[in-house]
């Protein structure tokens, strides 16, 4: 097994490049419930360069019809990242006060449903800036979003089995 470090600079650069346009290599899920987690997955993939092709429970994208639920689903993405002990990226949950560039923030509504994924591009002592799809945003302050609660995923790296 090989541990692949998370290239945060590359992931952030990707997020900023494709925040306001869609990468034609990936399907645009805006009309199928939203493109936010698809976009976040693209950013994370750019930073680790490895997928997990396990049917149903992995994290991968080949096409609209050949992808894992974790690639595009908010809850599925979260579950894969925090539970993954196999190939591909993995993450740990941290507090918002510990957020850093390259992390993923998921927003929760007052009904308890996590409904939106955001990619963190900059953290200063004044503000957290994010990029996202569905409501396409480039370096928008987290404070401009209305949400009940959040969870933060700190991407730690990826595993590759040779």
N, C-alpha and C. Protein backbone atom coordinates (compact mmCIF):
# COMPACT_ATOMS: atom_id res chain seq x y z
N UNK A 1 0.84 -1.18 0.00
CA UNK A 1 0.00 0.00 0.00
C UNK A 1 0.89 1.25 0.00
N UNK A 2 0.45 2.23 -0.77
CA UNK A 2 1.18 3.49 -0.89
C UNK A 2 0.25 4.62 -0.44
N UNK A 3 0.74 5.51 0.42
CA UNK A 3 -0.03 6.68 0.85
C UNK A 3 0.29 7.84 -0.09
N UNK A 4 -0.74 8.43 -0.64
CA UNK A 4 -0.59 9.55 -1.56
C UNK A 4 -0.98 10.83 -0.83
N UNK A 5 -0.07 11.78 -0.73
CA UNK A 5 -0.42 13.03 -0.05
C UNK A 5 -1.44 13.83 -0.86
N UNK A 6 -2.26 14.56 -0.17
CA UNK A 6 -3.28 15.41 -0.79
C UNK A 6 -2.60 16.69 -1.28
N UNK A 7 -2.66 16.93 -2.58
CA UNK A 7 -2.07 18.12 -3.17
C UNK A 7 -3.12 19.24 -3.11
N UNK A 8 -3.12 19.95 -2.01
CA UNK A 8 -4.13 20.99 -1.76
C UNK A 8 -4.04 22.10 -2.79
N UNK A 9 -2.84 22.51 -3.15
CA UNK A 9 -2.68 23.60 -4.14
C UNK A 9 -3.32 23.22 -5.47
N UNK A 10 -3.11 21.99 -5.89
CA UNK A 10 -3.68 21.53 -7.16
C UNK A 10 -5.21 21.46 -7.07
N UNK A 11 -5.73 20.99 -5.94
CA UNK A 11 -7.18 20.89 -5.75
C UNK A 11 -7.82 22.29 -5.72
N UNK A 12 -7.19 23.22 -5.02
CA UNK A 12 -7.72 24.59 -4.94
C UNK A 12 -7.66 25.26 -6.32
N UNK A 13 -6.58 25.05 -7.03
CA UNK A 13 -6.46 25.63 -8.37
C UNK A 13 -7.56 25.10 -9.28
N UNK A 14 -7.84 23.80 -9.20
CA UNK A 14 -8.92 23.21 -9.98
C UNK A 14 -10.25 23.85 -9.61
N UNK A 15 -10.52 23.98 -8.31
CA UNK A 15 -11.78 24.57 -7.85
C UNK A 15 -11.97 25.97 -8.42
N UNK A 16 -10.93 26.76 -8.38
CA UNK A 16 -11.03 28.13 -8.88
C UNK A 16 -11.18 28.17 -10.41
N UNK A 17 -10.55 27.24 -11.09
CA UNK A 17 -10.66 27.19 -12.56
C UNK A 17 -12.06 26.81 -13.00
N UNK A 18 -12.69 25.85 -12.30
CA UNK A 18 -13.98 25.32 -12.75
C UNK A 18 -15.16 25.71 -11.87
N UNK A 19 -15.00 26.70 -11.01
CA UNK A 19 -16.11 27.12 -10.15
C UNK A 19 -17.27 27.72 -10.95
N UNK A 20 -16.96 28.50 -11.94
CA UNK A 20 -18.00 29.20 -12.69
C UNK A 20 -18.29 28.61 -14.06
N UNK A 21 -17.55 27.58 -14.41
CA UNK A 21 -17.80 26.83 -15.66
C UNK A 21 -17.76 25.35 -15.32
N UNK A 22 -18.33 24.54 -16.18
CA UNK A 22 -18.33 23.10 -15.96
C UNK A 22 -17.21 22.47 -16.78
N UNK A 23 -16.48 21.55 -16.18
CA UNK A 23 -15.47 20.80 -16.90
C UNK A 23 -16.20 19.82 -17.82
N UNK A 24 -15.97 19.89 -19.12
CA UNK A 24 -16.71 19.02 -20.05
C UNK A 24 -16.41 17.53 -19.89
N UNK A 25 -15.39 17.17 -19.11
CA UNK A 25 -15.09 15.76 -18.87
C UNK A 25 -16.13 15.12 -17.94
N UNK A 26 -16.93 15.95 -17.25
CA UNK A 26 -17.90 15.45 -16.28
C UNK A 26 -19.31 15.91 -16.64
N UNK A 27 -20.28 15.07 -16.36
CA UNK A 27 -21.67 15.42 -16.59
C UNK A 27 -22.07 16.54 -15.63
N UNK A 28 -22.95 17.43 -16.07
CA UNK A 28 -23.47 18.51 -15.24
C UNK A 28 -24.77 18.02 -14.58
N UNK A 29 -24.74 17.82 -13.28
CA UNK A 29 -25.88 17.26 -12.54
C UNK A 29 -26.87 18.31 -12.04
N UNK A 30 -26.76 19.54 -12.51
CA UNK A 30 -27.66 20.60 -12.04
C UNK A 30 -29.13 20.22 -12.19
N UNK A 31 -29.49 19.57 -13.27
CA UNK A 31 -30.89 19.22 -13.50
C UNK A 31 -31.28 17.88 -12.87
N UNK A 32 -30.34 17.23 -12.21
CA UNK A 32 -30.61 15.93 -11.57
C UNK A 32 -30.43 16.03 -10.05
N UNK A 33 -30.72 17.18 -9.48
CA UNK A 33 -30.64 17.33 -8.04
C UNK A 33 -29.50 18.22 -7.57
N UNK A 34 -28.60 18.58 -8.46
CA UNK A 34 -27.51 19.47 -8.10
C UNK A 34 -26.14 18.91 -8.45
N UNK A 35 -25.22 19.82 -8.69
CA UNK A 35 -23.87 19.46 -9.14
C UNK A 35 -22.81 19.68 -8.06
N UNK A 36 -23.22 20.04 -6.85
CA UNK A 36 -22.25 20.46 -5.83
C UNK A 36 -21.28 19.35 -5.42
N UNK A 37 -21.78 18.16 -5.15
CA UNK A 37 -20.89 17.10 -4.69
C UNK A 37 -20.07 16.54 -5.85
N UNK A 38 -20.63 16.54 -7.06
CA UNK A 38 -19.86 16.17 -8.24
C UNK A 38 -18.65 17.10 -8.37
N UNK A 39 -18.88 18.40 -8.20
CA UNK A 39 -17.80 19.38 -8.28
C UNK A 39 -16.76 19.17 -7.17
N UNK A 40 -17.22 18.96 -5.95
CA UNK A 40 -16.31 18.71 -4.83
C UNK A 40 -15.48 17.45 -5.09
N UNK A 41 -16.12 16.41 -5.60
CA UNK A 41 -15.39 15.17 -5.92
C UNK A 41 -14.31 15.43 -6.97
N UNK A 42 -14.63 16.23 -7.97
CA UNK A 42 -13.63 16.57 -8.99
C UNK A 42 -12.43 17.27 -8.35
N UNK A 43 -12.71 18.19 -7.44
CA UNK A 43 -11.62 18.93 -6.76
C UNK A 43 -10.74 17.98 -5.96
N UNK A 44 -11.38 17.11 -5.17
CA UNK A 44 -10.62 16.15 -4.36
C UNK A 44 -9.83 15.21 -5.27
N UNK A 45 -10.45 14.73 -6.33
CA UNK A 45 -9.74 13.85 -7.26
C UNK A 45 -8.52 14.55 -7.85
N UNK A 46 -8.66 15.81 -8.18
CA UNK A 46 -7.52 16.55 -8.72
C UNK A 46 -6.38 16.59 -7.72
N UNK A 47 -6.71 16.59 -6.44
CA UNK A 47 -5.69 16.66 -5.40
C UNK A 47 -5.09 15.33 -5.00
N UNK A 48 -5.76 14.21 -5.33
CA UNK A 48 -5.22 12.89 -4.96
C UNK A 48 -4.94 11.99 -6.15
N UNK A 49 -5.68 12.17 -7.24
CA UNK A 49 -5.42 11.44 -8.48
C UNK A 49 -5.76 9.97 -8.46
N UNK A 50 -6.56 9.54 -7.51
CA UNK A 50 -6.91 8.12 -7.46
C UNK A 50 -8.36 7.95 -7.02
N UNK A 51 -9.03 6.99 -7.65
CA UNK A 51 -10.43 6.68 -7.34
C UNK A 51 -10.51 5.31 -6.70
N UNK A 52 -11.68 4.98 -6.19
CA UNK A 52 -11.97 3.65 -5.67
C UNK A 52 -13.10 3.08 -6.51
N UNK A 53 -12.80 2.07 -7.34
CA UNK A 53 -13.76 1.54 -8.31
C UNK A 53 -14.64 0.42 -7.76
N UNK A 54 -14.78 0.33 -6.45
CA UNK A 54 -15.67 -0.66 -5.86
C UNK A 54 -17.11 -0.30 -6.23
N UNK A 55 -17.81 -1.24 -6.89
CA UNK A 55 -19.19 -0.98 -7.29
C UNK A 55 -20.02 -0.59 -6.08
N UNK A 56 -20.90 0.35 -6.25
CA UNK A 56 -21.86 0.85 -5.27
C UNK A 56 -21.21 1.60 -4.11
N UNK A 57 -20.20 1.02 -3.46
CA UNK A 57 -19.66 1.61 -2.23
C UNK A 57 -18.33 2.33 -2.43
N UNK A 58 -17.86 2.43 -3.65
CA UNK A 58 -16.60 3.13 -3.92
C UNK A 58 -16.82 4.61 -4.16
N UNK A 59 -15.83 5.22 -4.78
CA UNK A 59 -15.86 6.64 -5.11
C UNK A 59 -15.16 6.79 -6.46
N UNK A 60 -15.96 6.89 -7.52
CA UNK A 60 -15.38 6.98 -8.85
C UNK A 60 -16.38 7.59 -9.82
N UNK A 61 -15.85 8.05 -10.95
CA UNK A 61 -16.66 8.59 -12.03
C UNK A 61 -16.04 8.18 -13.35
N UNK A 62 -16.83 7.52 -14.19
CA UNK A 62 -16.44 7.24 -15.57
C UNK A 62 -17.39 7.95 -16.54
N UNK A 63 -18.67 8.00 -16.15
CA UNK A 63 -19.69 8.64 -16.97
C UNK A 63 -20.96 8.81 -16.13
N UNK A 64 -21.97 9.43 -16.71
CA UNK A 64 -23.25 9.60 -16.02
C UNK A 64 -23.78 8.28 -15.49
N UNK A 65 -23.68 7.23 -16.29
CA UNK A 65 -24.24 5.94 -15.91
C UNK A 65 -23.23 5.00 -15.24
N UNK A 66 -22.00 5.40 -15.18
CA UNK A 66 -20.97 4.56 -14.55
C UNK A 66 -20.20 5.39 -13.54
N UNK A 67 -20.80 5.50 -12.36
CA UNK A 67 -20.22 6.28 -11.26
C UNK A 67 -20.73 5.71 -9.95
N UNK A 68 -20.01 5.99 -8.89
CA UNK A 68 -20.44 5.56 -7.56
C UNK A 68 -21.36 6.63 -6.97
N UNK A 69 -22.34 6.22 -6.16
CA UNK A 69 -23.20 7.20 -5.49
C UNK A 69 -22.41 8.23 -4.68
N UNK A 70 -21.27 7.83 -4.13
CA UNK A 70 -20.46 8.74 -3.32
C UNK A 70 -19.86 9.88 -4.14
N UNK A 71 -19.79 9.73 -5.45
CA UNK A 71 -19.23 10.79 -6.28
C UNK A 71 -20.15 12.01 -6.31
N UNK A 72 -21.46 11.78 -6.27
CA UNK A 72 -22.41 12.88 -6.44
C UNK A 72 -23.37 13.09 -5.27
N UNK A 73 -23.47 12.16 -4.35
CA UNK A 73 -24.42 12.29 -3.24
C UNK A 73 -23.77 12.88 -2.00
N UNK A 74 -24.42 13.84 -1.38
CA UNK A 74 -23.87 14.52 -0.21
C UNK A 74 -23.57 13.51 0.91
N UNK A 75 -24.58 12.76 1.34
CA UNK A 75 -24.38 11.80 2.44
C UNK A 75 -23.46 10.66 2.05
N UNK A 76 -23.57 10.19 0.83
CA UNK A 76 -22.71 9.09 0.36
C UNK A 76 -21.25 9.52 0.30
N UNK A 77 -21.00 10.75 -0.15
CA UNK A 77 -19.64 11.29 -0.17
C UNK A 77 -19.07 11.30 1.26
N UNK A 78 -19.85 11.83 2.18
CA UNK A 78 -19.43 11.89 3.58
C UNK A 78 -19.09 10.49 4.11
N UNK A 79 -20.00 9.55 3.92
CA UNK A 79 -19.79 8.18 4.43
C UNK A 79 -18.55 7.55 3.84
N UNK A 80 -18.38 7.70 2.52
CA UNK A 80 -17.19 7.11 1.90
C UNK A 80 -15.92 7.71 2.49
N UNK A 81 -15.85 9.02 2.56
CA UNK A 81 -14.62 9.68 2.99
C UNK A 81 -14.24 9.35 4.43
N UNK A 82 -15.20 9.27 5.32
CA UNK A 82 -14.85 9.03 6.73
C UNK A 82 -14.70 7.55 7.06
N UNK A 83 -15.26 6.67 6.22
CA UNK A 83 -15.19 5.23 6.50
C UNK A 83 -14.21 4.49 5.60
N UNK A 84 -13.70 5.15 4.57
CA UNK A 84 -12.85 4.46 3.61
C UNK A 84 -11.55 3.96 4.25
N UNK A 85 -11.35 2.64 4.18
CA UNK A 85 -10.08 2.04 4.61
C UNK A 85 -9.39 1.35 3.43
N UNK A 86 -10.03 1.49 2.26
CA UNK A 86 -9.47 0.90 1.05
C UNK A 86 -8.78 1.94 0.20
N UNK A 87 -8.75 1.67 -1.10
CA UNK A 87 -8.10 2.57 -2.04
C UNK A 87 -8.89 3.86 -2.17
N UNK A 88 -8.18 4.94 -2.44
CA UNK A 88 -8.82 6.23 -2.67
C UNK A 88 -8.66 7.17 -1.50
N UNK A 89 -9.28 8.35 -1.61
CA UNK A 89 -9.12 9.37 -0.57
C UNK A 89 -9.84 8.99 0.72
N UNK A 90 -9.40 9.61 1.78
CA UNK A 90 -10.04 9.42 3.09
C UNK A 90 -9.95 10.73 3.85
N UNK A 91 -10.88 10.89 4.80
CA UNK A 91 -10.98 12.16 5.53
C UNK A 91 -11.34 11.92 6.98
N UNK A 92 -11.18 12.97 7.76
CA UNK A 92 -11.67 12.95 9.14
C UNK A 92 -12.53 14.19 9.34
N UNK A 93 -13.46 14.08 10.27
CA UNK A 93 -14.34 15.20 10.59
C UNK A 93 -13.60 16.12 11.56
N UNK A 94 -13.63 17.41 11.28
CA UNK A 94 -13.02 18.42 12.16
C UNK A 94 -14.05 19.52 12.43
N UNK A 95 -13.79 20.32 13.42
CA UNK A 95 -14.65 21.46 13.73
C UNK A 95 -14.41 22.57 12.72
N UNK A 96 -15.40 23.42 12.56
CA UNK A 96 -15.28 24.55 11.64
C UNK A 96 -14.10 25.44 12.02
N UNK A 97 -13.77 25.50 13.29
CA UNK A 97 -12.62 26.31 13.73
C UNK A 97 -11.29 25.73 13.26
N UNK A 98 -11.29 24.46 12.81
CA UNK A 98 -10.07 23.80 12.33
C UNK A 98 -10.01 23.70 10.81
N UNK A 99 -10.96 24.32 10.12
CA UNK A 99 -11.06 24.21 8.67
C UNK A 99 -9.79 24.76 8.01
N UNK A 100 -9.41 24.13 6.89
CA UNK A 100 -8.25 24.60 6.13
C UNK A 100 -8.51 24.45 4.64
N UNK A 101 -7.65 25.06 3.85
CA UNK A 101 -7.77 24.97 2.39
C UNK A 101 -7.85 23.51 1.97
N UNK A 102 -8.70 23.23 0.99
CA UNK A 102 -8.84 21.87 0.47
C UNK A 102 -9.85 21.04 1.22
N UNK A 103 -10.41 21.55 2.31
CA UNK A 103 -11.43 20.82 3.06
C UNK A 103 -12.79 20.94 2.36
N UNK A 104 -13.71 20.10 2.79
CA UNK A 104 -15.07 20.11 2.26
C UNK A 104 -16.01 20.44 3.41
N UNK A 105 -16.89 21.39 3.18
CA UNK A 105 -17.92 21.74 4.17
C UNK A 105 -19.26 21.32 3.60
N UNK A 106 -20.04 20.62 4.41
CA UNK A 106 -21.39 20.24 4.00
C UNK A 106 -22.39 20.95 4.90
N UNK A 107 -23.42 21.52 4.28
CA UNK A 107 -24.41 22.32 5.00
C UNK A 107 -25.65 21.49 5.34
N UNK A 108 -26.22 21.78 6.49
CA UNK A 108 -27.39 21.07 7.00
C UNK A 108 -28.54 22.07 7.17
N UNK A 109 -29.75 21.63 6.83
CA UNK A 109 -30.92 22.49 7.04
C UNK A 109 -31.54 22.23 8.41
N UNK A 110 -32.57 22.96 8.75
CA UNK A 110 -33.19 22.83 10.08
C UNK A 110 -33.91 21.51 10.27
N UNK A 111 -34.16 20.77 9.20
CA UNK A 111 -34.76 19.44 9.29
C UNK A 111 -33.74 18.35 9.56
N UNK A 112 -32.46 18.72 9.60
CA UNK A 112 -31.41 17.75 9.86
C UNK A 112 -30.78 17.14 8.62
N UNK A 113 -31.22 17.56 7.45
CA UNK A 113 -30.70 17.00 6.19
C UNK A 113 -29.48 17.79 5.72
N UNK A 114 -28.40 17.07 5.39
CA UNK A 114 -27.25 17.68 4.75
C UNK A 114 -27.56 17.75 3.27
N UNK A 115 -27.48 18.95 2.71
CA UNK A 115 -28.01 19.18 1.36
C UNK A 115 -27.03 19.83 0.39
N UNK A 116 -25.87 20.29 0.85
CA UNK A 116 -24.99 21.03 -0.05
C UNK A 116 -23.52 20.83 0.35
N UNK A 117 -22.65 20.66 -0.66
CA UNK A 117 -21.21 20.50 -0.44
C UNK A 117 -20.47 21.69 -1.02
N UNK A 118 -19.52 22.20 -0.24
CA UNK A 118 -18.71 23.34 -0.63
C UNK A 118 -17.23 22.98 -0.52
N UNK A 119 -16.41 23.54 -1.38
CA UNK A 119 -14.98 23.29 -1.36
C UNK A 119 -14.25 24.53 -0.84
N UNK A 120 -13.44 24.37 0.19
CA UNK A 120 -12.75 25.50 0.82
C UNK A 120 -11.49 25.85 0.02
N UNK A 121 -11.42 27.13 -0.39
CA UNK A 121 -10.28 27.60 -1.18
C UNK A 121 -9.36 28.55 -0.41
N UNK A 122 -9.89 29.16 0.64
CA UNK A 122 -9.03 30.07 1.42
C UNK A 122 -9.61 30.24 2.82
N UNK A 123 -8.72 30.24 3.79
CA UNK A 123 -9.10 30.49 5.17
C UNK A 123 -8.21 31.59 5.70
N UNK A 124 -8.83 32.66 6.13
CA UNK A 124 -8.07 33.73 6.79
C UNK A 124 -8.69 33.93 8.16
N UNK A 125 -8.10 34.77 8.95
CA UNK A 125 -8.66 35.00 10.28
C UNK A 125 -9.96 35.79 10.19
N UNK A 126 -10.31 36.25 9.00
CA UNK A 126 -11.54 37.02 8.83
C UNK A 126 -12.66 36.22 8.17
N UNK A 127 -12.32 35.26 7.30
CA UNK A 127 -13.37 34.59 6.54
C UNK A 127 -12.91 33.27 5.94
N UNK A 128 -13.88 32.39 5.70
CA UNK A 128 -13.68 31.14 4.98
C UNK A 128 -14.28 31.35 3.59
N UNK A 129 -13.45 31.17 2.55
CA UNK A 129 -13.94 31.31 1.18
C UNK A 129 -14.13 29.93 0.58
N UNK A 130 -15.20 29.79 -0.21
CA UNK A 130 -15.53 28.50 -0.81
C UNK A 130 -15.87 28.66 -2.28
N UNK A 131 -15.73 27.55 -2.99
CA UNK A 131 -16.20 27.43 -4.37
C UNK A 131 -17.25 26.33 -4.38
N UNK A 132 -18.22 26.47 -5.28
CA UNK A 132 -19.25 25.43 -5.37
C UNK A 132 -19.94 25.47 -6.72
N UNK A 133 -20.69 24.40 -6.98
CA UNK A 133 -21.59 24.33 -8.12
C UNK A 133 -23.01 24.23 -7.60
N UNK A 134 -23.94 24.19 -8.50
CA UNK A 134 -25.38 24.27 -8.34
C UNK A 134 -25.73 25.76 -8.24
N UNK A 135 -25.34 26.40 -7.19
CA UNK A 135 -25.30 27.87 -7.18
C UNK A 135 -23.82 28.18 -7.36
N UNK A 136 -23.39 28.27 -8.63
CA UNK A 136 -21.97 28.39 -8.93
C UNK A 136 -21.36 29.58 -8.19
N UNK A 137 -20.22 29.32 -7.54
CA UNK A 137 -19.60 30.34 -6.72
C UNK A 137 -18.08 30.20 -6.75
N UNK A 138 -17.42 31.33 -6.86
CA UNK A 138 -15.96 31.39 -6.86
C UNK A 138 -15.50 32.25 -5.68
N UNK A 139 -14.83 31.63 -4.72
CA UNK A 139 -14.28 32.32 -3.55
C UNK A 139 -15.34 33.20 -2.85
N UNK A 140 -16.47 32.59 -2.56
CA UNK A 140 -17.57 33.26 -1.87
C UNK A 140 -17.44 33.01 -0.38
N UNK A 141 -17.70 34.02 0.45
CA UNK A 141 -17.62 33.80 1.90
C UNK A 141 -18.66 32.78 2.39
N UNK A 142 -18.23 31.89 3.26
CA UNK A 142 -19.15 30.93 3.86
C UNK A 142 -20.30 31.66 4.56
N UNK A 143 -20.02 32.82 5.10
CA UNK A 143 -21.03 33.59 5.82
C UNK A 143 -22.17 34.06 4.91
N UNK A 144 -22.02 33.96 3.59
CA UNK A 144 -23.10 34.35 2.67
C UNK A 144 -24.14 33.25 2.49
N UNK A 145 -23.86 32.06 3.03
CA UNK A 145 -24.80 30.94 2.95
C UNK A 145 -25.67 30.91 4.20
N UNK A 146 -26.93 30.54 4.01
CA UNK A 146 -27.82 30.34 5.15
C UNK A 146 -27.91 28.85 5.41
N UNK A 147 -27.58 28.42 6.61
CA UNK A 147 -27.66 27.00 6.97
C UNK A 147 -27.84 26.87 8.47
N UNK A 148 -28.35 25.74 8.87
CA UNK A 148 -28.62 25.47 10.28
C UNK A 148 -27.39 24.95 11.00
N UNK A 149 -26.66 24.07 10.34
CA UNK A 149 -25.46 23.47 10.91
C UNK A 149 -24.55 23.05 9.76
N UNK A 150 -23.37 22.53 10.10
CA UNK A 150 -22.43 22.10 9.07
C UNK A 150 -21.58 20.96 9.59
N UNK A 151 -20.89 20.33 8.68
CA UNK A 151 -19.83 19.37 9.05
C UNK A 151 -18.67 19.61 8.09
N UNK A 152 -17.47 19.42 8.62
CA UNK A 152 -16.26 19.70 7.85
C UNK A 152 -15.46 18.42 7.70
N UNK A 153 -15.10 18.11 6.47
CA UNK A 153 -14.27 16.95 6.16
C UNK A 153 -12.87 17.44 5.80
N UNK A 154 -11.91 17.01 6.57
CA UNK A 154 -10.51 17.32 6.29
C UNK A 154 -9.92 16.14 5.51
N UNK A 155 -9.64 16.36 4.23
CA UNK A 155 -9.09 15.31 3.38
C UNK A 155 -7.65 15.08 3.81
N UNK A 156 -7.34 13.85 4.20
CA UNK A 156 -6.00 13.56 4.73
C UNK A 156 -5.03 13.03 3.68
N UNK A 157 -5.55 12.47 2.60
CA UNK A 157 -4.71 11.87 1.58
C UNK A 157 -5.47 10.75 0.90
N UNK A 158 -4.73 9.85 0.27
CA UNK A 158 -5.35 8.70 -0.40
C UNK A 158 -4.44 7.49 -0.25
N UNK A 159 -5.05 6.33 -0.37
CA UNK A 159 -4.30 5.08 -0.37
C UNK A 159 -4.35 4.47 -1.76
N UNK A 160 -3.24 3.88 -2.15
CA UNK A 160 -3.19 3.16 -3.42
C UNK A 160 -2.61 1.78 -3.16
N UNK A 161 -3.38 0.78 -3.55
CA UNK A 161 -2.93 -0.59 -3.41
C UNK A 161 -2.34 -1.04 -4.74
N UNK A 162 -1.12 -1.52 -4.67
CA UNK A 162 -0.41 -1.86 -5.91
C UNK A 162 -0.58 -3.31 -6.28
